[in-house]
Amino acid sequence: MMKSDIIRYGERNKTNDIFTRSVFMFLIGIVCLTISSGCSSDSNNSELNQSKIDMAEINWNLLCEKRIFFGHQSVGNGILKGIDSLQVNLADRINIVDTRSAEEINGPILAHTKVGRNLCPESKIDDFVKIIENGVGNKVDIVMLKLCYVDLNTNSNPEAIFSNYKSSIERLSLQFPGIKVLHWTVPLTEKPRGIKGIVKSILRMDDNPYRHEYNELIRSTFNPDDIFDIALIQSTYPDGRRNLYRGEIPGLVPEYSSDGGHLNDYGKEYVATKLLLKLQSIQ
C-alpha cells in the first residue's frame, strides 16, 4: 500500500470513529432523556393524583358556612391566594375579607388581616388578642394566628415566645369559651445550601432549628386535631417523604417555594388545600 493510500485509509478510519462515537453519544442522550422524562412524568403524575384526591375531599358547601378569623403576614397572604385560586371556578365561594373590624363580620366569612410586625412575634400575639377582644370574638367560631418564619431565628427564645402565645390563648379561651382556636406551627425555610450553608451551620445561624423547637412545643402541648402543622406540610413531599437534614431538622421542600421561604403558586395551592381540609373537620 502506498503512503498516500495509508493516509487516506487512516483519515477514513478517523472519520468512521468520529461518526461512530457521535451516533453512540446521540443514542446515550436519547436513553437518558427517556429515563429522565419517565421519572419526571411519574413524579408529576404522583403529585397530580394526590392533588386530585385532596381536592375531591374538600366540602366547599360546608366551608362556605364557617365564620373564621385569621391573623397573619406574607406567607398567610399567599395561602389565601391559594384558596382563591382553588375556588376560582366555583359558584359558591368562601367569602374572604381583609378586615379587623367586628362590624364587617355579619355571617359566614374568612376574615383576615396582617397583625403586628415581622421579627417581633410578641407584637403579633398582642395585636391578634386585641382584635379578638375588640368584638371579633363575638362574631366568629374559629380563630387562628400564624407567626412568620422570620419571627423565629438565632436571636429568638422559642420557649418564651411559646409561653406568651399559650398564656394569651388561655386568656382568650376563658373570655370566649365558644371559640375554637386552630394553633399553627411556624413555617420553615429551605435547608441552607453550599459554603454559606456550611458556615451558617457552624456558626448556628441556621434558623430552622429554632422554628423546630417552637413547633415541637406546639405539638406537645395541644391536641393534634387542634393544630394546623404547616411546618410538617412544608417539609413533606406529596409522596410522603420528609425533607430533613442534620438528622432531624425539617426544611421547606424546594418545589413548594419561589425564593426559599415564600410559597410559589404550586405551594400556595398545596398548603391551601391542606388548610381547607383541616378547617372543614372542625365542628
C-alpha atoms as a PDB file:
ATOM      1  CA  MET A   1       0.000   0.000   0.000  1.00  0.00           C
ATOM      2  CA  MET A   2       1.376   3.383  -0.964  1.00  0.00           C
ATOM      3  CA  LYS A   3       1.938   6.082   1.626  1.00  0.00           C
ATOM      4  CA  SER A   4      -0.887   8.228   0.181  1.00  0.00           C
ATOM      5  CA  ASP A   5      -3.261   5.254   0.407  1.00  0.00           C
ATOM      6  CA  ILE A   6      -2.263   4.698   4.018  1.00  0.00           C
ATOM      7  CA  ILE A   7      -3.015   8.353   4.839  1.00  0.00           C
ATOM      8  CA  ARG A   8      -6.414   8.207   3.108  1.00  0.00           C
ATOM      9  CA  TYR A   9      -7.200   4.930   4.889  1.00  0.00           C
ATOM     10  CA  GLY A  10      -6.286   6.472   8.273  1.00  0.00           C
ATOM     11  CA  GLU A  11      -8.409   9.518   7.537  1.00  0.00           C
ATOM     12  CA  ARG A  12     -11.388   7.297   6.626  1.00  0.00           C
ATOM     13  CA  ASN A  13     -10.939   5.318   9.856  1.00  0.00           C
ATOM     14  CA  LYS A  14     -10.729   8.538  11.857  1.00  0.00           C
ATOM     15  CA  THR A  15     -13.907   9.811  10.192  1.00  0.00           C
ATOM     16  CA  ASN A  16     -15.647   6.500  10.865  1.00  0.00           C
ATOM     17  CA  ASP A  17     -14.564   6.608  14.530  1.00  0.00           C
ATOM     18  CA  ILE A  18     -15.912  10.151  14.959  1.00  0.00           C
ATOM     19  CA  PHE A  19     -19.169   9.152  13.279  1.00  0.00           C
ATOM     20  CA  THR A  20     -19.495   6.039  15.452  1.00  0.00           C
ATOM     21  CA  ARG A  21     -18.809   7.996  18.646  1.00  0.00           C
ATOM     22  CA  SER A  22     -21.311  10.668  17.621  1.00  0.00           C
ATOM     23  CA  VAL A  23     -24.021   8.085  16.963  1.00  0.00           C
ATOM     24  CA  PHE A  24     -23.216   6.356  20.258  1.00  0.00           C
ATOM     25  CA  MET A  25     -23.414   9.634  22.227  1.00  0.00           C
ATOM     26  CA  PHE A  26     -26.665  10.532  20.454  1.00  0.00           C
ATOM     27  CA  LEU A  27     -28.203   7.173  21.443  1.00  0.00           C
ATOM     28  CA  ILE A  28     -26.986   7.578  25.036  1.00  0.00           C
ATOM     29  CA  GLY A  29     -28.570  11.014  25.116  1.00  0.00           C
ATOM     30  CA  ILE A  30     -31.883   9.640  23.886  1.00  0.00           C
ATOM     31  CA  VAL A  31     -31.822   6.910  26.552  1.00  0.00           C
ATOM     32  CA  CYS A  32     -31.041   9.410  29.331  1.00  0.00           C
ATOM     33  CA  LEU A  33     -33.715  11.784  28.114  1.00  0.00           C
ATOM     34  CA  THR A  34     -36.245   8.956  28.025  1.00  0.00           C
ATOM     35  CA  ILE A  35     -35.346   7.845  31.546  1.00  0.00           C
ATOM     36  CA  SER A  36     -35.439  11.413  32.810  1.00  0.00           C
ATOM     37  CA  SER A  37     -38.762  12.093  31.141  1.00  0.00           C
ATOM     38  CA  GLY A  38     -40.174   8.892  32.536  1.00  0.00           C
ATOM     39  CA  CYS A  39     -39.109   9.771  36.088  1.00  0.00           C
ATOM     40  CA  SER A  40     -40.419  13.301  35.767  1.00  0.00           C
ATOM     41  CA  SER A  41     -43.699  12.043  34.414  1.00  0.00           C
ATOM     42  CA  ASP A  42     -44.107   9.560  37.267  1.00  0.00           C
ATOM     43  CA  SER A  43     -43.326  12.268  39.818  1.00  0.00           C
ATOM     44  CA  ASN A  44     -45.688  14.758  38.218  1.00  0.00           C
ATOM     45  CA  ASN A  45     -48.421  12.148  37.942  1.00  0.00           C
ATOM     46  CA  SER A  46     -47.976  11.256  41.619  1.00  0.00           C
ATOM     47  CA  GLU A  47     -48.298  14.896  42.666  1.00  0.00           C
ATOM     48  CA  LEU A  48     -51.238  15.449  40.323  1.00  0.00           C
ATOM     49  CA  ASN A  49     -53.058  12.346  41.592  1.00  0.00           C
ATOM     50  CA  GLN A  50     -52.516  13.368  45.228  1.00  0.00           C
ATOM     51  CA  SER A  51     -53.802  16.865  44.493  1.00  0.00           C
ATOM     52  CA  LYS A  52     -56.917  15.416  42.854  1.00  0.00           C
ATOM     53  CA  ILE A  53     -57.535  13.196  45.889  1.00  0.00           C
ATOM     54  CA  ASP A  54     -57.185  16.143  48.285  1.00  0.00           C
ATOM     55  CA  MET A  55     -59.374  18.400  46.145  1.00  0.00           C
ATOM     56  CA  ALA A  56     -62.091  15.745  45.903  1.00  0.00           C
ATOM     57  CA  GLU A  57     -62.298  15.644  49.695  1.00  0.00           C
ATOM     58  CA  ILE A  58     -62.976  19.371  50.081  1.00  0.00           C
ATOM     59  CA  ASN A  59     -66.562  20.150  51.097  1.00  0.00           C
ATOM     60  CA  TRP A  60     -66.965  23.670  49.726  1.00  0.00           C
ATOM     61  CA  ASN A  61     -70.570  23.989  50.888  1.00  0.00           C
ATOM     62  CA  LEU A  62     -69.521  23.287  54.467  1.00  0.00           C
ATOM     63  CA  LEU A  63     -66.564  25.682  54.300  1.00  0.00           C
ATOM     64  CA  CYS A  64     -68.730  28.479  52.890  1.00  0.00           C
ATOM     65  CA  GLU A  65     -70.830  28.372  56.063  1.00  0.00           C
ATOM     66  CA  LYS A  66     -67.967  28.827  58.532  1.00  0.00           C
ATOM     67  CA  ARG A  67     -67.052  32.022  60.372  1.00  0.00           C
ATOM     68  CA  ILE A  68     -63.274  32.308  60.693  1.00  0.00           C
ATOM     69  CA  PHE A  69     -60.720  34.947  61.669  1.00  0.00           C
ATOM     70  CA  PHE A  70     -57.092  34.612  60.575  1.00  0.00           C
ATOM     71  CA  GLY A  71     -54.173  36.811  61.703  1.00  0.00           C
ATOM     72  CA  HIS A  72     -51.068  36.504  59.539  1.00  0.00           C
ATOM     73  CA  GLN A  73     -48.395  38.148  57.385  1.00  0.00           C
ATOM     74  CA  SER A  74     -46.941  37.391  53.922  1.00  0.00           C
ATOM     75  CA  VAL A  75     -46.958  33.560  53.856  1.00  0.00           C
ATOM     76  CA  GLY A  76     -50.547  33.669  55.103  1.00  0.00           C
ATOM     77  CA  ASN A  77     -51.434  36.048  52.306  1.00  0.00           C
ATOM     78  CA  GLY A  78     -50.000  33.544  49.838  1.00  0.00           C
ATOM     79  CA  ILE A  79     -52.146  30.748  51.288  1.00  0.00           C
ATOM     80  CA  LEU A  80     -55.260  32.910  50.928  1.00  0.00           C
ATOM     81  CA  LYS A  81     -54.348  33.467  47.284  1.00  0.00           C
ATOM     82  CA  GLY A  82     -54.092  29.692  47.003  1.00  0.00           C
ATOM     83  CA  ILE A  83     -57.648  29.348  48.325  1.00  0.00           C
ATOM     84  CA  ASP A  84     -58.860  31.956  45.837  1.00  0.00           C
ATOM     85  CA  SER A  85     -57.153  30.081  43.028  1.00  0.00           C
ATOM     86  CA  LEU A  86     -58.727  26.761  44.052  1.00  0.00           C
ATOM     87  CA  GLN A  87     -62.247  28.194  44.099  1.00  0.00           C
ATOM     88  CA  VAL A  88     -61.960  30.451  41.048  1.00  0.00           C
ATOM     89  CA  ASN A  89     -64.494  28.442  39.003  1.00  0.00           C
ATOM     90  CA  LEU A  90     -66.919  27.685  41.828  1.00  0.00           C
ATOM     91  CA  ALA A  91     -70.395  29.204  42.038  1.00  0.00           C
ATOM     92  CA  ASP A  92     -70.349  29.229  45.865  1.00  0.00           C
ATOM     93  CA  ARG A  93     -67.139  30.746  47.163  1.00  0.00           C
ATOM     94  CA  ILE A  94     -65.666  31.289  50.602  1.00  0.00           C
ATOM     95  CA  ASN A  95     -66.162  34.944  51.491  1.00  0.00           C
ATOM     96  CA  ILE A  96     -62.576  36.134  52.052  1.00  0.00           C
ATOM     97  CA  VAL A  97     -62.483  39.670  53.500  1.00  0.00           C
ATOM     98  CA  ASP A  98     -59.495  41.705  54.666  1.00  0.00           C
ATOM     99  CA  THR A  99     -60.728  43.275  57.909  1.00  0.00           C
ATOM    100  CA  ARG A 100     -60.055  43.541  61.629  1.00  0.00           C
ATOM    101  CA  SER A 101     -63.404  45.141  62.388  1.00  0.00           C
ATOM    102  CA  ALA A 102     -66.187  43.168  64.047  1.00  0.00           C
ATOM    103  CA  GLU A 103     -68.708  45.448  62.331  1.00  0.00           C
ATOM    104  CA  GLU A 104     -67.791  43.951  58.956  1.00  0.00           C
ATOM    105  CA  ILE A 105     -68.420  40.391  60.122  1.00  0.00           C
ATOM    106  CA  ASN A 106     -72.106  39.559  59.729  1.00  0.00           C
ATOM    107  CA  GLY A 107     -72.305  35.985  58.523  1.00  0.00           C
ATOM    108  CA  PRO A 108     -70.131  33.249  57.004  1.00  0.00           C
ATOM    109  CA  ILE A 109     -66.682  34.669  56.324  1.00  0.00           C
ATOM    110  CA  LEU A 110     -62.951  34.087  56.297  1.00  0.00           C
ATOM    111  CA  ALA A 111     -61.934  37.419  57.802  1.00  0.00           C
ATOM    112  CA  HIS A 112     -58.214  38.079  57.857  1.00  0.00           C
ATOM    113  CA  THR A 113     -55.692  40.842  58.401  1.00  0.00           C
ATOM    114  CA  LYS A 114     -51.986  41.390  58.857  1.00  0.00           C
ATOM    115  CA  VAL A 115     -51.103  41.516  62.534  1.00  0.00           C
ATOM    116  CA  GLY A 116     -48.144  43.019  64.359  1.00  0.00           C
ATOM    117  CA  ARG A 117     -44.666  43.411  62.914  1.00  0.00           C
ATOM    118  CA  ASN A 118     -42.299  40.897  61.386  1.00  0.00           C
ATOM    119  CA  LEU A 119     -39.346  39.941  63.627  1.00  0.00           C
ATOM    120  CA  CYS A 120     -41.493  40.782  66.663  1.00  0.00           C
ATOM    121  CA  PRO A 121     -43.771  37.801  67.413  1.00  0.00           C
ATOM    122  CA  GLU A 122     -44.943  39.392  70.668  1.00  0.00           C
ATOM    123  CA  SER A 123     -46.467  42.262  68.674  1.00  0.00           C
ATOM    124  CA  LYS A 124     -48.367  39.769  66.514  1.00  0.00           C
ATOM    125  CA  ILE A 125     -49.711  37.867  69.509  1.00  0.00           C
ATOM    126  CA  ASP A 126     -50.769  41.098  71.249  1.00  0.00           C
ATOM    127  CA  ASP A 127     -52.412  42.505  68.104  1.00  0.00           C
ATOM    128  CA  PHE A 128     -54.260  39.230  67.486  1.00  0.00           C
ATOM    129  CA  VAL A 129     -55.614  39.146  71.048  1.00  0.00           C
ATOM    130  CA  LYS A 130     -56.661  42.797  70.841  1.00  0.00           C
ATOM    131  CA  ILE A 131     -58.659  42.167  67.634  1.00  0.00           C
ATOM    132  CA  ILE A 132     -60.483  39.186  69.148  1.00  0.00           C
ATOM    133  CA  GLU A 133     -61.235  41.080  72.360  1.00  0.00           C
ATOM    134  CA  ASN A 134     -62.487  44.139  70.448  1.00  0.00           C
ATOM    135  CA  GLY A 135     -65.534  42.288  69.189  1.00  0.00           C
ATOM    136  CA  VAL A 136     -64.357  39.778  66.592  1.00  0.00           C
ATOM    137  CA  GLY A 137     -64.530  37.075  69.262  1.00  0.00           C
ATOM    138  CA  ASN A 138     -68.289  37.508  69.388  1.00  0.00           C
ATOM    139  CA  LYS A 139     -68.678  37.145  65.620  1.00  0.00           C
ATOM    140  CA  VAL A 140     -66.635  34.079  64.631  1.00  0.00           C
ATOM    141  CA  ASP A 141     -66.357  30.389  65.513  1.00  0.00           C
ATOM    142  CA  ILE A 142     -62.718  29.699  64.612  1.00  0.00           C
ATOM    143  CA  VAL A 143     -59.644  31.868  65.169  1.00  0.00           C
ATOM    144  CA  MET A 144     -56.065  31.245  64.131  1.00  0.00           C
ATOM    145  CA  LEU A 145     -52.755  33.101  64.284  1.00  0.00           C
ATOM    146  CA  LYS A 146     -49.781  32.323  62.075  1.00  0.00           C
ATOM    147  CA  LEU A 147     -46.357  33.574  63.063  1.00  0.00           C
ATOM    148  CA  CYS A 148     -43.855  34.025  60.218  1.00  0.00           C
ATOM    149  CA  TYR A 149     -40.605  32.171  59.650  1.00  0.00           C
ATOM    150  CA  VAL A 150     -38.673  35.407  60.318  1.00  0.00           C
ATOM    151  CA  ASP A 151     -40.156  35.554  63.839  1.00  0.00           C
ATOM    152  CA  LEU A 152     -38.097  32.559  64.984  1.00  0.00           C
ATOM    153  CA  ASN A 153     -34.364  32.986  64.449  1.00  0.00           C
ATOM    154  CA  THR A 154     -30.986  32.794  66.170  1.00  0.00           C
ATOM    155  CA  ASN A 155     -31.904  35.749  68.381  1.00  0.00           C
ATOM    156  CA  SER A 156     -35.216  34.213  69.493  1.00  0.00           C
ATOM    157  CA  ASN A 157     -36.187  32.452  72.683  1.00  0.00           C
ATOM    158  CA  PRO A 158     -38.668  29.824  71.430  1.00  0.00           C
ATOM    159  CA  GLU A 159     -39.795  28.881  74.957  1.00  0.00           C
ATOM    160  CA  ALA A 160     -40.547  32.498  75.902  1.00  0.00           C
ATOM    161  CA  ILE A 161     -42.465  33.131  72.664  1.00  0.00           C
ATOM    162  CA  PHE A 162     -44.470  29.960  73.140  1.00  0.00           C
ATOM    163  CA  SER A 163     -45.198  30.802  76.779  1.00  0.00           C
ATOM    164  CA  ASN A 164     -46.544  34.195  75.685  1.00  0.00           C
ATOM    165  CA  TYR A 165     -48.680  32.585  72.991  1.00  0.00           C
ATOM    166  CA  LYS A 166     -50.029  29.894  75.324  1.00  0.00           C
ATOM    167  CA  SER A 167     -50.998  32.297  78.110  1.00  0.00           C
ATOM    168  CA  SER A 168     -52.628  34.687  75.607  1.00  0.00           C
ATOM    169  CA  ILE A 169     -54.690  31.889  74.065  1.00  0.00           C
ATOM    170  CA  GLU A 170     -55.739  30.653  77.509  1.00  0.00           C
ATOM    171  CA  ARG A 171     -56.970  34.161  78.292  1.00  0.00           C
ATOM    172  CA  LEU A 172     -58.988  34.294  75.073  1.00  0.00           C
ATOM    173  CA  SER A 173     -60.457  30.850  75.710  1.00  0.00           C
ATOM    174  CA  LEU A 174     -61.738  31.985  79.102  1.00  0.00           C
ATOM    175  CA  GLN A 175     -63.291  35.113  77.609  1.00  0.00           C
ATOM    176  CA  PHE A 176     -64.767  33.340  74.571  1.00  0.00           C
ATOM    177  CA  PRO A 177     -65.407  29.694  75.507  1.00  0.00           C
ATOM    178  CA  GLY A 178     -67.370  29.090  72.311  1.00  0.00           C
ATOM    179  CA  ILE A 179     -64.416  29.862  70.048  1.00  0.00           C
ATOM    180  CA  LYS A 180     -62.251  27.131  68.547  1.00  0.00           C
ATOM    181  CA  VAL A 181     -58.551  28.036  68.314  1.00  0.00           C
ATOM    182  CA  LEU A 182     -56.591  26.411  65.495  1.00  0.00           C
ATOM    183  CA  HIS A 183     -52.944  26.523  66.530  1.00  0.00           C
ATOM    184  CA  TRP A 184     -50.306  26.902  63.801  1.00  0.00           C
ATOM    185  CA  THR A 185     -46.732  25.743  63.755  1.00  0.00           C
ATOM    186  CA  VAL A 186     -44.224  28.221  62.325  1.00  0.00           C
ATOM    187  CA  PRO A 187     -43.380  27.956  58.596  1.00  0.00           C
ATOM    188  CA  LEU A 188     -39.912  26.845  57.531  1.00  0.00           C
ATOM    189  CA  THR A 189     -37.303  27.924  55.019  1.00  0.00           C
ATOM    190  CA  GLU A 190     -35.192  25.744  52.735  1.00  0.00           C
ATOM    191  CA  LYS A 191     -32.116  23.974  54.045  1.00  0.00           C
ATOM    192  CA  PRO A 192     -29.057  26.293  53.896  1.00  0.00           C
ATOM    193  CA  ARG A 193     -27.003  25.385  50.840  1.00  0.00           C
ATOM    194  CA  GLY A 194     -23.384  25.487  49.690  1.00  0.00           C
ATOM    195  CA  ILE A 195     -20.482  27.138  51.521  1.00  0.00           C
ATOM    196  CA  LYS A 196     -22.844  29.710  53.016  1.00  0.00           C
ATOM    197  CA  GLY A 197     -24.960  26.895  54.419  1.00  0.00           C
ATOM    198  CA  ILE A 198     -21.930  25.188  55.983  1.00  0.00           C
ATOM    199  CA  VAL A 199     -20.845  28.440  57.609  1.00  0.00           C
ATOM    200  CA  LYS A 200     -24.371  29.059  58.916  1.00  0.00           C
ATOM    201  CA  SER A 201     -24.488  25.586  60.451  1.00  0.00           C
ATOM    202  CA  ILE A 202     -21.093  26.023  62.130  1.00  0.00           C
ATOM    203  CA  LEU A 203     -21.997  29.461  63.497  1.00  0.00           C
ATOM    204  CA  ARG A 204     -25.510  28.287  64.472  1.00  0.00           C
ATOM    205  CA  MET A 205     -27.055  30.829  62.100  1.00  0.00           C
ATOM    206  CA  ASP A 206     -29.493  28.337  60.581  1.00  0.00           C
ATOM    207  CA  ASP A 207     -32.911  29.437  61.850  1.00  0.00           C
ATOM    208  CA  ASN A 208     -34.886  26.235  61.185  1.00  0.00           C
ATOM    209  CA  PRO A 209     -33.723  24.580  64.450  1.00  0.00           C
ATOM    210  CA  TYR A 210     -35.309  27.431  66.439  1.00  0.00           C
ATOM    211  CA  ARG A 211     -38.539  27.113  64.459  1.00  0.00           C
ATOM    212  CA  HIS A 212     -38.452  23.375  65.045  1.00  0.00           C
ATOM    213  CA  GLU A 213     -38.044  23.916  68.804  1.00  0.00           C
ATOM    214  CA  TYR A 214     -41.093  26.193  68.894  1.00  0.00           C
ATOM    215  CA  ASN A 215     -43.090  23.811  66.715  1.00  0.00           C
ATOM    216  CA  GLU A 216     -42.315  20.886  68.989  1.00  0.00           C
ATOM    217  CA  LEU A 217     -43.754  22.885  71.901  1.00  0.00           C
ATOM    218  CA  ILE A 218     -46.949  23.451  69.909  1.00  0.00           C
ATOM    219  CA  ARG A 219     -47.183  19.723  69.080  1.00  0.00           C
ATOM    220  CA  SER A 220     -46.514  18.540  72.617  1.00  0.00           C
ATOM    221  CA  THR A 221     -48.970  20.965  74.247  1.00  0.00           C
ATOM    222  CA  PHE A 222     -52.084  20.980  72.086  1.00  0.00           C
ATOM    223  CA  ASN A 223     -54.320  18.240  70.710  1.00  0.00           C
ATOM    224  CA  PRO A 224     -53.238  17.254  67.159  1.00  0.00           C
ATOM    225  CA  ASP A 225     -56.819  17.841  65.991  1.00  0.00           C
ATOM    226  CA  ASP A 226     -56.422  21.480  67.061  1.00  0.00           C
ATOM    227  CA  ILE A 227     -53.165  22.077  65.167  1.00  0.00           C
ATOM    228  CA  PHE A 228     -52.534  23.130  61.590  1.00  0.00           C
ATOM    229  CA  ASP A 229     -48.994  21.843  61.165  1.00  0.00           C
ATOM    230  CA  ILE A 230     -47.785  23.947  58.260  1.00  0.00           C
ATOM    231  CA  ALA A 231     -44.170  23.067  59.074  1.00  0.00           C
ATOM    232  CA  LEU A 232     -44.909  19.356  58.652  1.00  0.00           C
ATOM    233  CA  ILE A 233     -46.762  20.012  55.395  1.00  0.00           C
ATOM    234  CA  GLN A 234     -43.992  22.224  54.027  1.00  0.00           C
ATOM    235  CA  SER A 235     -41.320  19.639  54.838  1.00  0.00           C
ATOM    236  CA  THR A 236     -43.169  16.649  53.349  1.00  0.00           C
ATOM    237  CA  TYR A 237     -43.196  15.712  49.669  1.00  0.00           C
ATOM    238  CA  PRO A 238     -46.548  14.677  48.123  1.00  0.00           C
ATOM    239  CA  ASP A 239     -45.391  11.051  48.200  1.00  0.00           C
ATOM    240  CA  GLY A 240     -44.813  11.205  51.968  1.00  0.00           C
ATOM    241  CA  ARG A 241     -41.017  11.581  52.038  1.00  0.00           C
ATOM    242  CA  ARG A 242     -39.706  14.067  54.623  1.00  0.00           C
ATOM    243  CA  ASN A 243     -37.198  16.774  53.769  1.00  0.00           C
ATOM    244  CA  LEU A 244     -34.892  16.507  56.791  1.00  0.00           C
ATOM    245  CA  TYR A 245     -31.273  17.489  57.321  1.00  0.00           C
ATOM    246  CA  ARG A 246     -28.762  17.290  60.171  1.00  0.00           C
ATOM    247  CA  GLY A 247     -30.631  14.220  61.331  1.00  0.00           C
ATOM    248  CA  GLU A 248     -33.969  15.659  62.404  1.00  0.00           C
ATOM    249  CA  ILE A 249     -34.256  19.296  61.281  1.00  0.00           C
ATOM    250  CA  PRO A 250     -37.114  19.760  58.771  1.00  0.00           C
ATOM    251  CA  GLY A 251     -36.701  22.138  55.861  1.00  0.00           C
ATOM    252  CA  LEU A 252     -39.070  23.610  53.294  1.00  0.00           C
ATOM    253  CA  VAL A 253     -39.377  21.387  50.209  1.00  0.00           C
ATOM    254  CA  PRO A 254     -37.749  23.461  47.419  1.00  0.00           C
ATOM    255  CA  GLU A 255     -40.506  22.596  44.936  1.00  0.00           C
ATOM    256  CA  TYR A 256     -43.032  24.469  47.110  1.00  0.00           C
ATOM    257  CA  SER A 257     -41.109  27.743  47.206  1.00  0.00           C
ATOM    258  CA  SER A 258     -40.315  30.692  44.967  1.00  0.00           C
ATOM    259  CA  ASP A 259     -37.406  32.075  46.984  1.00  0.00           C
ATOM    260  CA  GLY A 260     -36.543  29.596  49.725  1.00  0.00           C
ATOM    261  CA  GLY A 261     -39.139  30.997  52.129  1.00  0.00           C
ATOM    262  CA  HIS A 262     -42.326  32.154  50.414  1.00  0.00           C
ATOM    263  CA  LEU A 263     -44.616  29.718  48.622  1.00  0.00           C
ATOM    264  CA  ASN A 264     -44.791  29.507  44.836  1.00  0.00           C
ATOM    265  CA  ASP A 265     -48.104  29.009  43.009  1.00  0.00           C
ATOM    266  CA  TYR A 266     -47.997  25.236  43.486  1.00  0.00           C
ATOM    267  CA  GLY A 267     -47.033  25.592  47.155  1.00  0.00           C
ATOM    268  CA  LYS A 268     -49.832  28.094  47.804  1.00  0.00           C
ATOM    269  CA  GLU A 269     -52.484  25.732  46.445  1.00  0.00           C
ATOM    270  CA  TYR A 270     -50.903  22.705  48.115  1.00  0.00           C
ATOM    271  CA  VAL A 271     -50.910  24.284  51.593  1.00  0.00           C
ATOM    272  CA  ALA A 272     -54.314  25.919  50.976  1.00  0.00           C
ATOM    273  CA  THR A 273     -55.831  22.508  50.210  1.00  0.00           C
ATOM    274  CA  LYS A 274     -54.475  21.083  53.481  1.00  0.00           C
ATOM    275  CA  LEU A 275     -55.802  24.077  55.420  1.00  0.00           C
ATOM    276  CA  LEU A 276     -59.277  23.751  53.908  1.00  0.00           C
ATOM    277  CA  LEU A 277     -59.384  20.073  54.820  1.00  0.00           C
ATOM    278  CA  LYS A 278     -58.405  20.921  58.402  1.00  0.00           C
ATOM    279  CA  LEU A 279     -60.972  23.740  58.678  1.00  0.00           C
ATOM    280  CA  GLN A 280     -63.806  21.594  57.405  1.00  0.00           C
ATOM    281  CA  SER A 281     -63.004  18.970  60.037  1.00  0.00           C
ATOM    282  CA  ILE A 282     -63.644  21.451  62.850  1.00  0.00           C
ATOM    283  CA  GLN A 283     -67.189  21.135  64.179  1.00  0.00           C
END
